[in-house]
Amino acid sequence: MSTTMRRASISQLLIAGLLAFSASAAGAQTYGVGVPSSSPNLGEVASAASGTTTFRISASTGTVTKLSGSGARVSTGSTRPMVTISCGNEGACNTKSVNIRIGSGTTSGRGGTLTNFTVSMGTASLTVSPTGTNPINFRIGPIGKNSSKTFYVGMDFPIGGDTSGSPTGAAQSSFYVWADDAPNTPNGSQGDSGEAVATVFRSISLTKNSDLEFGRIVKPSSGSGTIALAAADASKSFPPGTAWLNLPIAKRASYTVTGEGGQTLSITVPATFPMTGPNASSLTVTTNNNLVASPLLSSILGNSGTYSFFVGGSFPISASTQNGAYTGTFNVTVAYN
């Protein structure tokens, strides 16, 4: 009796196996879908103080353009993910077209939901153009036995601003690519996912704490020399025969930069600027500053950091310098390095 029972069990297993094989043979074609990780990569991005900045990645060229917002890319990164669709050894690989669906997934950090997906063919041939924006659906021609075909994906990648409430640092927004043989609708049983990524810095700001003020100076009765106010320590130097009065107090220009902690800065101070005085007279101020070689914001990525510096100046003075008040302006700029 035990032998009969074992045979019955074997017979049932064989039937089940044959049925499973038959169902597989009658089912949809199997495809492999490959999407590279961390592509597209916007690199480092300075977000807007408020609102969203949206970047568009071109499927045909991989170039990145800013569609809206006041954020900006600080550095470049790789773009335009290439999707690979592969097919096995079945004869249907040579005859069946492939339906593709691409749509958005999860987000983290200041990365927003991807949308406006586009495609550009690599080795694949487009047979039905995309419809929709998120998701999009389109069809490519047969892959071929033991072969693969490629296409590129473009998209709009939003980056949230400082008011988004999301942290700076790593930002991610995922997307999926599904495939199935026509006329089936891809449902996720055959697919892969990718991630659009960026490293996001908070917006950068420059605050002027005080103007450059030389105060009151009595010119020499003869000869000439240079009036100088040092940015490093506010020390004053002036030629013999010249008096630098104590009031109003001479001041260096003072600035504070606020931005993403731990990041280096590019700060530009003009080498010279003019001050105009009475009767169309003028003085040329040569600036000096206490900037270090690679200015660095305090703290670390993910936190707010600051950097402060001073600007001083010097100008020539002589017995012939016109009496009166002189004023001028100069622009200081700052950006992430």
C-alpha atoms as a PDB file:
ATOM      1  CA  MET A   1       0.000   0.000   0.000  1.00  0.00           C
ATOM      2  CA  SER A   2       2.804   2.350   0.729  1.00  0.00           C
ATOM      3  CA  THR A   3       4.280   1.736  -2.754  1.00  0.00           C
ATOM      4  CA  THR A   4       0.983   2.611  -4.406  1.00  0.00           C
ATOM      5  CA  MET A   5       0.729   5.778  -2.396  1.00  0.00           C
ATOM      6  CA  ARG A   6       4.192   6.841  -3.416  1.00  0.00           C
ATOM      7  CA  ARG A   7       3.422   6.276  -7.085  1.00  0.00           C
ATOM      8  CA  ALA A   8       0.228   8.260  -6.825  1.00  0.00           C
ATOM      9  CA  SER A   9       2.147  11.100  -5.313  1.00  0.00           C
ATOM     10  CA  ILE A  10       4.726  11.044  -8.106  1.00  0.00           C
ATOM     11  CA  SER A  11       2.008  10.968 -10.750  1.00  0.00           C
ATOM     12  CA  GLN A  12       0.327  14.018  -9.231  1.00  0.00           C
ATOM     13  CA  LEU A  13       3.582  15.947  -9.154  1.00  0.00           C
ATOM     14  CA  LEU A  14       4.259  15.183 -12.799  1.00  0.00           C
ATOM     15  CA  ILE A  15       0.823  16.358 -13.831  1.00  0.00           C
ATOM     16  CA  ALA A  16       1.204  19.553 -11.823  1.00  0.00           C
ATOM     17  CA  GLY A  17       4.580  20.167 -13.442  1.00  0.00           C
ATOM     18  CA  LEU A  18       3.180  19.649 -16.931  1.00  0.00           C
ATOM     19  CA  LEU A  19       0.298  21.998 -16.235  1.00  0.00           C
ATOM     20  CA  ALA A  20       2.646  24.679 -14.908  1.00  0.00           C
ATOM     21  CA  PHE A  21       4.832  24.400 -17.994  1.00  0.00           C
ATOM     22  CA  SER A  22       1.841  24.565 -20.257  1.00  0.00           C
ATOM     23  CA  ALA A  23       0.551  27.695 -18.530  1.00  0.00           C
ATOM     24  CA  SER A  24       3.972  29.341 -18.840  1.00  0.00           C
ATOM     25  CA  ALA A  25       4.220  28.530 -22.507  1.00  0.00           C
ATOM     26  CA  ALA A  26       0.816  30.049 -23.155  1.00  0.00           C
ATOM     27  CA  GLY A  27       1.548  33.179 -21.082  1.00  0.00           C
ATOM     28  CA  ALA A  28       3.232  36.464 -21.831  1.00  0.00           C
ATOM     29  CA  GLN A  29       6.748  36.783 -23.175  1.00  0.00           C
ATOM     30  CA  THR A  30       9.423  37.299 -20.514  1.00  0.00           C
ATOM     31  CA  TYR A  31      11.676  40.344 -20.742  1.00  0.00           C
ATOM     32  CA  GLY A  32      14.569  41.643 -18.747  1.00  0.00           C
ATOM     33  CA  VAL A  33      14.553  45.344 -17.883  1.00  0.00           C
ATOM     34  CA  GLY A  34      17.717  47.145 -16.802  1.00  0.00           C
ATOM     35  CA  VAL A  35      17.884  50.721 -15.496  1.00  0.00           C
ATOM     36  CA  PRO A  36      21.181  52.246 -14.260  1.00  0.00           C
ATOM     37  CA  SER A  37      21.336  53.413 -10.656  1.00  0.00           C
ATOM     38  CA  SER A  38      21.692  57.090  -9.696  1.00  0.00           C
ATOM     39  CA  SER A  39      20.890  58.361 -13.177  1.00  0.00           C
ATOM     40  CA  PRO A  40      20.123  61.094 -13.975  1.00  0.00           C
ATOM     41  CA  ASN A  41      22.434  62.833 -11.500  1.00  0.00           C
ATOM     42  CA  LEU A  42      22.094  66.623 -11.315  1.00  0.00           C
ATOM     43  CA  GLY A  43      25.242  66.860  -9.186  1.00  0.00           C
ATOM     44  CA  GLU A  44      25.233  69.662  -6.617  1.00  0.00           C
ATOM     45  CA  VAL A  45      22.247  72.005  -6.689  1.00  0.00           C
ATOM     46  CA  ALA A  46      21.672  75.223  -4.746  1.00  0.00           C
ATOM     47  CA  SER A  47      17.969  75.301  -3.995  1.00  0.00           C
ATOM     48  CA  ALA A  48      15.771  78.365  -4.027  1.00  0.00           C
ATOM     49  CA  ALA A  49      15.078  80.320  -0.853  1.00  0.00           C
ATOM     50  CA  SER A  50      11.408  79.583  -1.471  1.00  0.00           C
ATOM     51  CA  GLY A  51       9.451  77.628  -4.032  1.00  0.00           C
ATOM     52  CA  THR A  52      10.477  74.764  -6.278  1.00  0.00           C
ATOM     53  CA  THR A  53      13.117  74.777  -8.994  1.00  0.00           C
ATOM     54  CA  THR A  54      12.439  72.355 -11.850  1.00  0.00           C
ATOM     55  CA  PHE A  55      15.176  70.965 -14.079  1.00  0.00           C
ATOM     56  CA  ARG A  56      14.463  69.215 -17.389  1.00  0.00           C
ATOM     57  CA  ILE A  57      16.669  66.362 -18.556  1.00  0.00           C
ATOM     58  CA  SER A  58      16.570  65.845 -22.327  1.00  0.00           C
ATOM     59  CA  ALA A  59      16.095  62.255 -23.437  1.00  0.00           C
ATOM     60  CA  SER A  60      17.751  62.929 -26.786  1.00  0.00           C
ATOM     61  CA  THR A  61      20.901  64.747 -25.627  1.00  0.00           C
ATOM     62  CA  GLY A  62      21.123  64.456 -21.841  1.00  0.00           C
ATOM     63  CA  THR A  63      21.407  68.235 -21.475  1.00  0.00           C
ATOM     64  CA  VAL A  64      19.854  69.885 -18.431  1.00  0.00           C
ATOM     65  CA  THR A  65      17.861  73.106 -18.593  1.00  0.00           C
ATOM     66  CA  LYS A  66      16.155  75.015 -15.806  1.00  0.00           C
ATOM     67  CA  LEU A  67      12.450  75.391 -16.476  1.00  0.00           C
ATOM     68  CA  SER A  68      11.468  77.449 -13.452  1.00  0.00           C
ATOM     69  CA  GLY A  69      12.549  78.622 -10.011  1.00  0.00           C
ATOM     70  CA  SER A  70      15.548  80.492  -8.653  1.00  0.00           C
ATOM     71  CA  GLY A  71      17.757  77.526  -7.738  1.00  0.00           C
ATOM     72  CA  ALA A  72      20.853  76.653  -9.783  1.00  0.00           C
ATOM     73  CA  ARG A  73      23.193  73.768 -10.467  1.00  0.00           C
ATOM     74  CA  VAL A  74      26.530  74.199  -8.708  1.00  0.00           C
ATOM     75  CA  SER A  75      28.252  71.315 -10.472  1.00  0.00           C
ATOM     76  CA  THR A  76      27.468  68.957 -13.307  1.00  0.00           C
ATOM     77  CA  GLY A  77      26.592  65.280 -13.154  1.00  0.00           C
ATOM     78  CA  SER A  78      25.731  62.441 -15.480  1.00  0.00           C
ATOM     79  CA  THR A  79      22.290  62.523 -17.024  1.00  0.00           C
ATOM     80  CA  ARG A  80      19.953  60.674 -19.410  1.00  0.00           C
ATOM     81  CA  PRO A  81      19.501  57.131 -18.055  1.00  0.00           C
ATOM     82  CA  MET A  82      19.709  54.378 -20.682  1.00  0.00           C
ATOM     83  CA  VAL A  83      17.179  51.559 -20.321  1.00  0.00           C
ATOM     84  CA  THR A  84      18.005  48.098 -21.661  1.00  0.00           C
ATOM     85  CA  ILE A  85      15.238  45.633 -22.618  1.00  0.00           C
ATOM     86  CA  SER A  86      16.434  42.065 -23.196  1.00  0.00           C
ATOM     87  CA  CYS A  87      14.745  38.907 -24.488  1.00  0.00           C
ATOM     88  CA  GLY A  88      15.736  35.243 -24.169  1.00  0.00           C
ATOM     89  CA  ASN A  89      15.893  32.315 -26.551  1.00  0.00           C
ATOM     90  CA  GLU A  90      12.191  32.108 -27.440  1.00  0.00           C
ATOM     91  CA  GLY A  91      11.124  32.493 -31.035  1.00  0.00           C
ATOM     92  CA  ALA A  92       8.555  35.090 -30.006  1.00  0.00           C
ATOM     93  CA  CYS A  93      11.446  37.440 -29.224  1.00  0.00           C
ATOM     94  CA  ASN A  94      11.760  37.893 -32.989  1.00  0.00           C
ATOM     95  CA  THR A  95       8.099  38.694 -33.611  1.00  0.00           C
ATOM     96  CA  LYS A  96       6.449  40.297 -30.592  1.00  0.00           C
ATOM     97  CA  SER A  97       6.491  44.057 -30.072  1.00  0.00           C
ATOM     98  CA  VAL A  98       6.982  45.309 -26.520  1.00  0.00           C
ATOM     99  CA  ASN A  99       4.732  47.667 -24.593  1.00  0.00           C
ATOM    100  CA  ILE A 100       6.597  49.946 -22.168  1.00  0.00           C
ATOM    101  CA  ARG A 101       5.281  51.999 -19.258  1.00  0.00           C
ATOM    102  CA  ILE A 102       7.342  54.578 -17.346  1.00  0.00           C
ATOM    103  CA  GLY A 103       6.147  56.424 -14.258  1.00  0.00           C
ATOM    104  CA  SER A 104       7.222  58.097 -11.035  1.00  0.00           C
ATOM    105  CA  GLY A 105       7.911  56.467  -7.691  1.00  0.00           C
ATOM    106  CA  THR A 106       9.026  57.555  -4.249  1.00  0.00           C
ATOM    107  CA  THR A 107      10.911  60.696  -3.223  1.00  0.00           C
ATOM    108  CA  SER A 108      13.271  61.694  -0.414  1.00  0.00           C
ATOM    109  CA  GLY A 109      15.078  64.837   0.710  1.00  0.00           C
ATOM    110  CA  ARG A 110      14.225  67.816  -1.452  1.00  0.00           C
ATOM    111  CA  GLY A 111      13.637  65.704  -4.552  1.00  0.00           C
ATOM    112  CA  GLY A 112      10.147  66.180  -6.008  1.00  0.00           C
ATOM    113  CA  THR A 113       7.989  63.775  -7.989  1.00  0.00           C
ATOM    114  CA  LEU A 114       9.294  63.199 -11.513  1.00  0.00           C
ATOM    115  CA  THR A 115       6.998  64.009 -14.407  1.00  0.00           C
ATOM    116  CA  ASN A 116       6.877  64.847 -18.116  1.00  0.00           C
ATOM    117  CA  PHE A 117       8.720  61.670 -19.075  1.00  0.00           C
ATOM    118  CA  THR A 118      10.107  61.488 -22.612  1.00  0.00           C
ATOM    119  CA  VAL A 119      12.067  58.863 -24.517  1.00  0.00           C
ATOM    120  CA  SER A 120      14.656  58.780 -27.275  1.00  0.00           C
ATOM    121  CA  MET A 121      15.546  55.562 -29.031  1.00  0.00           C
ATOM    122  CA  GLY A 122      18.995  54.006 -28.806  1.00  0.00           C
ATOM    123  CA  THR A 123      19.046  50.656 -30.580  1.00  0.00           C
ATOM    124  CA  ALA A 124      15.310  50.095 -30.053  1.00  0.00           C
ATOM    125  CA  SER A 125      12.783  51.118 -32.711  1.00  0.00           C
ATOM    126  CA  LEU A 126       9.733  53.131 -31.671  1.00  0.00           C
ATOM    127  CA  THR A 127       6.550  51.725 -33.221  1.00  0.00           C
ATOM    128  CA  VAL A 128       3.879  53.543 -31.167  1.00  0.00           C
ATOM    129  CA  SER A 129       4.665  57.028 -29.848  1.00  0.00           C
ATOM    130  CA  PRO A 130       4.345  57.820 -26.128  1.00  0.00           C
ATOM    131  CA  THR A 131       1.061  58.943 -24.648  1.00  0.00           C
ATOM    132  CA  GLY A 132       0.611  60.668 -21.302  1.00  0.00           C
ATOM    133  CA  THR A 133       3.173  62.456 -19.148  1.00  0.00           C
ATOM    134  CA  ASN A 134       3.278  60.404 -15.934  1.00  0.00           C
ATOM    135  CA  PRO A 135       3.024  57.558 -16.614  1.00  0.00           C
ATOM    136  CA  ILE A 136       3.815  57.360 -20.303  1.00  0.00           C
ATOM    137  CA  ASN A 137       3.027  54.360 -22.487  1.00  0.00           C
ATOM    138  CA  PHE A 138       4.668  53.471 -25.809  1.00  0.00           C
ATOM    139  CA  ARG A 139       5.695  50.497 -27.915  1.00  0.00           C
ATOM    140  CA  ILE A 140       8.986  49.342 -29.357  1.00  0.00           C
ATOM    141  CA  GLY A 141       9.648  46.703 -31.998  1.00  0.00           C
ATOM    142  CA  PRO A 142      10.696  43.082 -31.332  1.00  0.00           C
ATOM    143  CA  ILE A 143      13.881  42.634 -29.311  1.00  0.00           C
ATOM    144  CA  GLY A 144      15.196  39.539 -31.084  1.00  0.00           C
ATOM    145  CA  LYS A 145      16.303  36.198 -29.669  1.00  0.00           C
ATOM    146  CA  ASN A 146      19.105  36.456 -27.127  1.00  0.00           C
ATOM    147  CA  SER A 147      19.314  40.171 -27.810  1.00  0.00           C
ATOM    148  CA  SER A 148      18.707  43.511 -26.135  1.00  0.00           C
ATOM    149  CA  LYS A 149      17.555  46.954 -27.234  1.00  0.00           C
ATOM    150  CA  THR A 150      18.068  50.342 -25.605  1.00  0.00           C
ATOM    151  CA  PHE A 151      16.343  53.691 -25.250  1.00  0.00           C
ATOM    152  CA  TYR A 152      16.947  56.839 -23.175  1.00  0.00           C
ATOM    153  CA  VAL A 153      14.611  58.487 -20.689  1.00  0.00           C
ATOM    154  CA  GLY A 154      14.123  62.207 -20.087  1.00  0.00           C
ATOM    155  CA  MET A 155      12.096  63.838 -17.333  1.00  0.00           C
ATOM    156  CA  ASP A 156      11.407  66.931 -15.246  1.00  0.00           C
ATOM    157  CA  PHE A 157      13.120  66.800 -11.837  1.00  0.00           C
ATOM    158  CA  PRO A 158      11.792  69.278  -9.215  1.00  0.00           C
ATOM    159  CA  ILE A 159      13.997  70.367  -6.297  1.00  0.00           C
ATOM    160  CA  GLY A 160      12.284  71.838  -3.244  1.00  0.00           C
ATOM    161  CA  GLY A 161      13.388  75.156  -1.749  1.00  0.00           C
ATOM    162  CA  ASP A 162      14.319  76.190   1.781  1.00  0.00           C
ATOM    163  CA  THR A 163      10.638  76.591   2.677  1.00  0.00           C
ATOM    164  CA  SER A 164       9.817  73.013   1.650  1.00  0.00           C
ATOM    165  CA  GLY A 165      10.490  71.682   5.141  1.00  0.00           C
ATOM    166  CA  SER A 166      12.687  68.911   3.693  1.00  0.00           C
ATOM    167  CA  PRO A 167      16.343  68.431   4.629  1.00  0.00           C
ATOM    168  CA  THR A 168      19.276  69.363   2.435  1.00  0.00           C
ATOM    169  CA  GLY A 169      21.880  66.855   1.328  1.00  0.00           C
ATOM    170  CA  ALA A 170      20.973  63.778  -0.686  1.00  0.00           C
ATOM    171  CA  ALA A 171      17.804  64.127  -2.765  1.00  0.00           C
ATOM    172  CA  GLN A 172      16.188  61.267  -4.662  1.00  0.00           C
ATOM    173  CA  SER A 173      13.168  60.669  -6.846  1.00  0.00           C
ATOM    174  CA  SER A 174      12.589  57.213  -8.279  1.00  0.00           C
ATOM    175  CA  PHE A 175      10.900  56.020 -11.460  1.00  0.00           C
ATOM    176  CA  TYR A 176       9.917  52.624 -12.824  1.00  0.00           C
ATOM    177  CA  VAL A 177      10.147  51.035 -16.256  1.00  0.00           C
ATOM    178  CA  TRP A 178       7.788  48.131 -16.962  1.00  0.00           C
ATOM    179  CA  ALA A 179       7.635  45.906 -20.055  1.00  0.00           C
ATOM    180  CA  ASP A 180       5.222  43.341 -21.509  1.00  0.00           C
ATOM    181  CA  ASP A 181       4.567  41.948 -24.960  1.00  0.00           C
ATOM    182  CA  ALA A 182       1.871  43.631 -27.017  1.00  0.00           C
ATOM    183  CA  PRO A 183      -1.051  43.891 -26.619  1.00  0.00           C
ATOM    184  CA  ASN A 184      -0.632  43.334 -22.853  1.00  0.00           C
ATOM    185  CA  THR A 185      -0.432  46.317 -20.517  1.00  0.00           C
ATOM    186  CA  PRO A 186       2.755  46.355 -18.388  1.00  0.00           C
ATOM    187  CA  ASN A 187       1.846  45.828 -14.726  1.00  0.00           C
ATOM    188  CA  GLY A 188       5.150  45.695 -12.865  1.00  0.00           C
ATOM    189  CA  SER A 189       5.714  41.946 -13.045  1.00  0.00           C
ATOM    190  CA  GLN A 190       8.598  42.642 -15.448  1.00  0.00           C
ATOM    191  CA  GLY A 191      10.460  45.824 -14.738  1.00  0.00           C
ATOM    192  CA  ASP A 192      13.126  47.751 -12.928  1.00  0.00           C
ATOM    193  CA  SER A 193      13.432  51.088 -11.170  1.00  0.00           C
ATOM    194  CA  GLY A 194      15.904  53.956 -11.330  1.00  0.00           C
ATOM    195  CA  GLU A 195      16.620  57.043  -9.278  1.00  0.00           C
ATOM    196  CA  ALA A 196      17.120  60.659 -10.235  1.00  0.00           C
ATOM    197  CA  VAL A 197      19.532  62.055  -7.651  1.00  0.00           C
ATOM    198  CA  ALA A 198      21.121  65.330  -6.575  1.00  0.00           C
ATOM    199  CA  THR A 199      23.037  66.775  -3.645  1.00  0.00           C
ATOM    200  CA  VAL A 200      21.055  69.812  -2.542  1.00  0.00           C
ATOM    201  CA  PHE A 201      22.432  72.859  -0.751  1.00  0.00           C
ATOM    202  CA  ARG A 202      20.248  75.454   0.930  1.00  0.00           C
ATOM    203  CA  SER A 203      20.128  78.837  -0.793  1.00  0.00           C
ATOM    204  CA  ILE A 204      23.103  81.116  -0.301  1.00  0.00           C
ATOM    205  CA  SER A 205      22.754  84.681   0.988  1.00  0.00           C
ATOM    206  CA  LEU A 206      25.114  87.604   1.518  1.00  0.00           C
ATOM    207  CA  THR A 207      24.384  90.177   4.218  1.00  0.00           C
ATOM    208  CA  LYS A 208      26.215  93.521   4.433  1.00  0.00           C
ATOM    209  CA  ASN A 209      26.664  94.364   8.088  1.00  0.00           C
ATOM    210  CA  SER A 210      28.441  97.703   7.598  1.00  0.00           C
ATOM    211  CA  ASP A 211      29.687  99.945   4.802  1.00  0.00           C
ATOM    212  CA  LEU A 212      33.267 100.912   4.106  1.00  0.00           C
ATOM    213  CA  GLU A 213      33.635 104.324   5.761  1.00  0.00           C
ATOM    214  CA  PHE A 214      36.880 106.308   5.810  1.00  0.00           C
ATOM    215  CA  GLY A 215      35.514 109.016   8.111  1.00  0.00           C
ATOM    216  CA  ARG A 216      37.130 112.483   8.030  1.00  0.00           C
ATOM    217  CA  ILE A 217      40.653 113.126   6.810  1.00  0.00           C
ATOM    218  CA  VAL A 218      42.634 116.353   6.732  1.00  0.00           C
ATOM    219  CA  LYS A 219      44.760 116.509   3.598  1.00  0.00           C
ATOM    220  CA  PRO A 220      48.439 117.514   3.730  1.00  0.00           C
ATOM    221  CA  SER A 221      49.462 121.075   3.035  1.00  0.00           C
ATOM    222  CA  SER A 222      52.087 119.790   0.625  1.00  0.00           C
ATOM    223  CA  GLY A 223      53.158 116.528  -0.937  1.00  0.00           C
ATOM    224  CA  SER A 224      51.098 113.373  -1.332  1.00  0.00           C
ATOM    225  CA  GLY A 225      50.644 109.892   0.063  1.00  0.00           C
ATOM    226  CA  THR A 226      48.172 107.075   0.588  1.00  0.00           C
ATOM    227  CA  ILE A 227      45.300 106.714   3.015  1.00  0.00           C
ATOM    228  CA  ALA A 228      44.766 103.036   3.920  1.00  0.00           C
ATOM    229  CA  LEU A 229      42.283 101.171   6.102  1.00  0.00           C
ATOM    230  CA  ALA A 230      43.223  97.480   6.580  1.00  0.00           C
ATOM    231  CA  ALA A 231      40.510  94.838   6.283  1.00  0.00           C
ATOM    232  CA  ALA A 232      42.377  92.420   8.532  1.00  0.00           C
ATOM    233  CA  ASP A 233      42.471  94.535  11.695  1.00  0.00           C
ATOM    234  CA  ALA A 234      40.989  97.956  10.870  1.00  0.00           C
ATOM    235  CA  SER A 235      44.409  99.557  11.327  1.00  0.00           C
ATOM    236  CA  LYS A 236      44.946 102.932   9.635  1.00  0.00           C
ATOM    237  CA  SER A 237      47.961 104.328   7.864  1.00  0.00           C
ATOM    238  CA  PHE A 238      48.421 107.802   6.352  1.00  0.00           C
ATOM    239  CA  PRO A 239      51.304 109.992   5.160  1.00  0.00           C
ATOM    240  CA  PRO A 240      53.028 112.717   7.204  1.00  0.00           C
ATOM    241  CA  GLY A 241      51.175 116.006   7.244  1.00  0.00           C
ATOM    242  CA  THR A 242      47.822 114.228   7.041  1.00  0.00           C
ATOM    243  CA  ALA A 243      45.405 113.919   9.950  1.00  0.00           C
ATOM    244  CA  TRP A 244      42.834 111.133  10.332  1.00  0.00           C
ATOM    245  CA  LEU A 245      40.177 112.398  12.729  1.00  0.00           C
ATOM    246  CA  ASN A 246      38.639 110.062  15.305  1.00  0.00           C
ATOM    247  CA  LEU A 247      35.037 110.964  14.553  1.00  0.00           C
ATOM    248  CA  PRO A 248      33.173 109.708  12.707  1.00  0.00           C
ATOM    249  CA  ILE A 249      34.848 106.346  13.282  1.00  0.00           C
ATOM    250  CA  ALA A 250      36.415 104.739  10.237  1.00  0.00           C
ATOM    251  CA  LYS A 251      34.903 101.308   9.500  1.00  0.00           C
ATOM    252  CA  ARG A 252      35.695  98.343   7.344  1.00  0.00           C
ATOM    253  CA  ALA A 253      32.889  96.923   5.206  1.00  0.00           C
ATOM    254  CA  SER A 254      31.617  93.804   6.944  1.00  0.00           C
ATOM    255  CA  TYR A 255      29.782  90.848   5.356  1.00  0.00           C
ATOM    256  CA  THR A 256      28.270  87.541   6.445  1.00  0.00           C
ATOM    257  CA  VAL A 257      27.515  84.668   4.085  1.00  0.00           C
ATOM    258  CA  THR A 258      24.878  82.113   5.050  1.00  0.00           C
ATOM    259  CA  GLY A 259      24.431  78.805   3.236  1.00  0.00           C
ATOM    260  CA  GLU A 260      25.007  75.056   3.345  1.00  0.00           C
ATOM    261  CA  GLY A 261      27.438  73.994   6.038  1.00  0.00           C
ATOM    262  CA  GLY A 262      30.866  72.757   5.039  1.00  0.00           C
ATOM    263  CA  GLN A 263      30.778  74.104   1.479  1.00  0.00           C
ATOM    264  CA  THR A 264      33.483  76.238  -0.127  1.00  0.00           C
ATOM    265  CA  LEU A 265      32.672  79.638  -1.542  1.00  0.00           C
ATOM    266  CA  SER A 266      33.668  81.817  -4.447  1.00  0.00           C
ATOM    267  CA  ILE A 267      33.636  85.452  -3.285  1.00  0.00           C
ATOM    268  CA  THR A 268      34.377  88.326  -5.637  1.00  0.00           C
ATOM    269  CA  VAL A 269      35.422  91.789  -4.463  1.00  0.00           C
ATOM    270  CA  PRO A 270      36.305  94.398  -7.108  1.00  0.00           C
ATOM    271  CA  ALA A 271      39.975  95.394  -7.153  1.00  0.00           C
ATOM    272  CA  THR A 272      39.102  99.085  -7.431  1.00  0.00           C
ATOM    273  CA  PHE A 273      36.114 101.399  -7.515  1.00  0.00           C
ATOM    274  CA  PRO A 274      35.682 105.173  -7.885  1.00  0.00           C
ATOM    275  CA  MET A 275      34.454 107.680  -5.315  1.00  0.00           C
ATOM    276  CA  THR A 276      33.138 110.942  -6.692  1.00  0.00           C
ATOM    277  CA  GLY A 277      33.419 114.271  -4.928  1.00  0.00           C
ATOM    278  CA  PRO A 278      32.749 117.978  -5.497  1.00  0.00           C
ATOM    279  CA  ASN A 279      33.220 119.632  -8.882  1.00  0.00           C
ATOM    280  CA  ALA A 280      33.354 116.263 -10.663  1.00  0.00           C
ATOM    281  CA  SER A 281      36.467 115.298  -8.754  1.00  0.00           C
ATOM    282  CA  SER A 282      37.128 111.639  -8.008  1.00  0.00           C
ATOM    283  CA  LEU A 283      39.286 109.275  -6.005  1.00  0.00           C
ATOM    284  CA  THR A 284      40.102 105.681  -6.975  1.00  0.00           C
ATOM    285  CA  VAL A 285      39.854 103.259  -4.074  1.00  0.00           C
ATOM    286  CA  THR A 286      41.946 100.088  -4.159  1.00  0.00           C
ATOM    287  CA  THR A 287      40.285  97.425  -2.051  1.00  0.00           C
ATOM    288  CA  ASN A 288      41.828  94.900   0.311  1.00  0.00           C
ATOM    289  CA  ASN A 289      40.127  92.056   2.173  1.00  0.00           C
ATOM    290  CA  ASN A 290      40.791  89.322   4.697  1.00  0.00           C
ATOM    291  CA  LEU A 291      39.406  86.430   2.619  1.00  0.00           C
ATOM    292  CA  VAL A 292      41.212  83.116   2.975  1.00  0.00           C
ATOM    293  CA  ALA A 293      42.264  81.133  -0.089  1.00  0.00           C
ATOM    294  CA  SER A 294      39.233  78.800   0.033  1.00  0.00           C
ATOM    295  CA  PRO A 295      36.449  80.362   2.118  1.00  0.00           C
ATOM    296  CA  LEU A 296      34.476  77.655   3.898  1.00  0.00           C
ATOM    297  CA  LEU A 297      31.056  77.842   5.504  1.00  0.00           C
ATOM    298  CA  SER A 298      30.959  76.619   9.100  1.00  0.00           C
ATOM    299  CA  SER A 299      29.225  73.383  10.185  1.00  0.00           C
ATOM    300  CA  ILE A 300      28.558  70.373   7.903  1.00  0.00           C
ATOM    301  CA  LEU A 301      26.308  69.266   5.048  1.00  0.00           C
ATOM    302  CA  GLY A 302      22.722  69.165   6.239  1.00  0.00           C
ATOM    303  CA  ASN A 303      23.114  72.189   8.520  1.00  0.00           C
ATOM    304  CA  SER A 304      23.244  75.930   8.010  1.00  0.00           C
ATOM    305  CA  GLY A 305      26.714  77.482   8.010  1.00  0.00           C
ATOM    306  CA  THR A 306      28.160  81.007   7.995  1.00  0.00           C
ATOM    307  CA  TYR A 307      31.318  82.792   6.887  1.00  0.00           C
ATOM    308  CA  SER A 308      32.254  86.409   7.691  1.00  0.00           C
ATOM    309  CA  PHE A 309      34.831  88.713   6.152  1.00  0.00           C
ATOM    310  CA  PHE A 310      35.862  92.361   5.874  1.00  0.00           C
ATOM    311  CA  VAL A 311      36.793  94.716   3.044  1.00  0.00           C
ATOM    312  CA  GLY A 312      39.071  97.692   3.503  1.00  0.00           C
ATOM    313  CA  GLY A 313      40.562 100.150   1.055  1.00  0.00           C
ATOM    314  CA  SER A 314      43.175 102.747   0.208  1.00  0.00           C
ATOM    315  CA  PHE A 315      43.321 105.826  -1.990  1.00  0.00           C
ATOM    316  CA  PRO A 316      45.852 108.553  -2.866  1.00  0.00           C
ATOM    317  CA  ILE A 317      45.658 111.975  -1.251  1.00  0.00           C
ATOM    318  CA  SER A 318      47.620 115.153  -1.862  1.00  0.00           C
ATOM    319  CA  ALA A 319      47.570 118.882  -1.235  1.00  0.00           C
ATOM    320  CA  SER A 320      45.604 119.314  -4.453  1.00  0.00           C
ATOM    321  CA  THR A 321      42.826 116.869  -3.534  1.00  0.00           C
ATOM    322  CA  GLN A 322      39.483 118.661  -3.633  1.00  0.00           C
ATOM    323  CA  ASN A 323      37.883 119.359  -0.275  1.00  0.00           C
ATOM    324  CA  GLY A 324      34.457 117.824   0.280  1.00  0.00           C
ATOM    325  CA  ALA A 325      32.550 114.572   0.658  1.00  0.00           C
ATOM    326  CA  TYR A 326      33.309 111.581  -1.570  1.00  0.00           C
ATOM    327  CA  THR A 327      31.020 108.613  -2.100  1.00  0.00           C
ATOM    328  CA  GLY A 328      31.087 105.499  -4.229  1.00  0.00           C
ATOM    329  CA  THR A 329      29.664 101.986  -4.482  1.00  0.00           C
ATOM    330  CA  PHE A 330      31.076  98.540  -5.171  1.00  0.00           C
ATOM    331  CA  ASN A 331      29.470  95.139  -5.568  1.00  0.00           C
ATOM    332  CA  VAL A 332      30.486  91.979  -3.724  1.00  0.00           C
ATOM    333  CA  THR A 333      29.227  88.647  -5.026  1.00  0.00           C
ATOM    334  CA  VAL A 334      29.238  85.140  -3.563  1.00  0.00           C
ATOM    335  CA  ALA A 335      28.480  81.696  -4.951  1.00  0.00           C
ATOM    336  CA  TYR A 336      29.084  78.072  -4.075  1.00  0.00           C
ATOM    337  CA  ASN A 337      32.443  76.986  -5.423  1.00  0.00           C
END
